[in-house]
Amino acid sequence: MADANHPVTLVGYAVMTDRFWLGKAHVELASAGTTNASLKAEHCRQAQS
């Protein structure tokens, strides 16, 4: 889908919104107090990608 990389299109907006919320979820998981260090690092890597 060519429009997926353009946030002004409906498809692009949906893709960007999903990426934002997935990144936010990974940040929340990495911030959890019960998560071990290796899982925190993995969640941070996933949030950055």
Protein backbone atom coordinates (compact mmCIF):
# COMPACT_ATOMS: atom_id res chain seq x y z
CA MET A 1 0.00 0.00 0.00
CA ALA A 2 1.63 3.17 -1.16
CA ASP A 3 -0.59 5.36 1.03
CA ALA A 4 0.54 3.63 4.25
CA ASN A 5 3.56 5.94 4.54
CA HIS A 6 1.55 9.16 4.15
CA PRO A 7 -0.08 10.19 7.46
CA VAL A 8 -2.49 12.58 5.72
CA THR A 9 -4.32 9.69 4.03
CA LEU A 10 -6.80 7.55 5.94
CA VAL A 11 -4.64 4.43 5.61
CA GLY A 12 -1.49 6.30 6.59
CA TYR A 13 -3.21 7.82 9.60
CA ALA A 14 -4.37 4.37 10.75
CA VAL A 15 -0.86 2.94 10.35
CA MET A 16 0.77 5.84 12.22
CA THR A 17 -1.80 5.66 15.02
CA ASP A 18 -1.25 1.93 15.42
CA ARG A 19 2.52 2.40 15.54
CA PHE A 20 2.13 5.11 18.17
CA TRP A 21 -0.08 2.99 20.44
CA LEU A 22 2.08 -0.11 20.04
CA GLY A 23 5.16 1.92 20.97
CA LYS A 24 3.32 3.38 23.95
CA ALA A 25 2.31 -0.12 25.09
CA HIS A 26 5.93 -1.29 24.93
CA VAL A 27 7.04 1.73 26.97
CA GLU A 28 4.42 0.92 29.61
CA LEU A 29 5.54 -2.72 29.72
CA ALA A 30 9.19 -1.66 30.05
CA SER A 31 8.23 0.71 32.89
CA ALA A 32 6.50 -2.00 34.91
CA GLY A 33 8.24 -2.68 38.20
CA THR A 34 7.96 -6.46 37.92
CA THR A 35 9.61 -6.73 34.48
CA ASN A 36 13.15 -8.12 34.50
CA ALA A 37 16.03 -6.27 32.84
CA SER A 38 16.21 -8.35 29.65
CA LEU A 39 12.48 -7.96 29.02
CA LYS A 40 12.71 -4.23 29.68
CA ALA A 41 15.48 -3.96 27.09
CA GLU A 42 13.42 -5.92 24.57
CA HIS A 43 10.35 -3.74 25.13
CA CYS A 44 12.50 -0.62 24.66
CA ARG A 45 13.89 -2.00 21.39
CA GLN A 46 10.36 -2.76 20.18
CA ALA A 47 9.13 0.71 21.17
CA GLN A 48 11.93 2.34 19.18
CA SER A 49 11.21 0.37 16.01
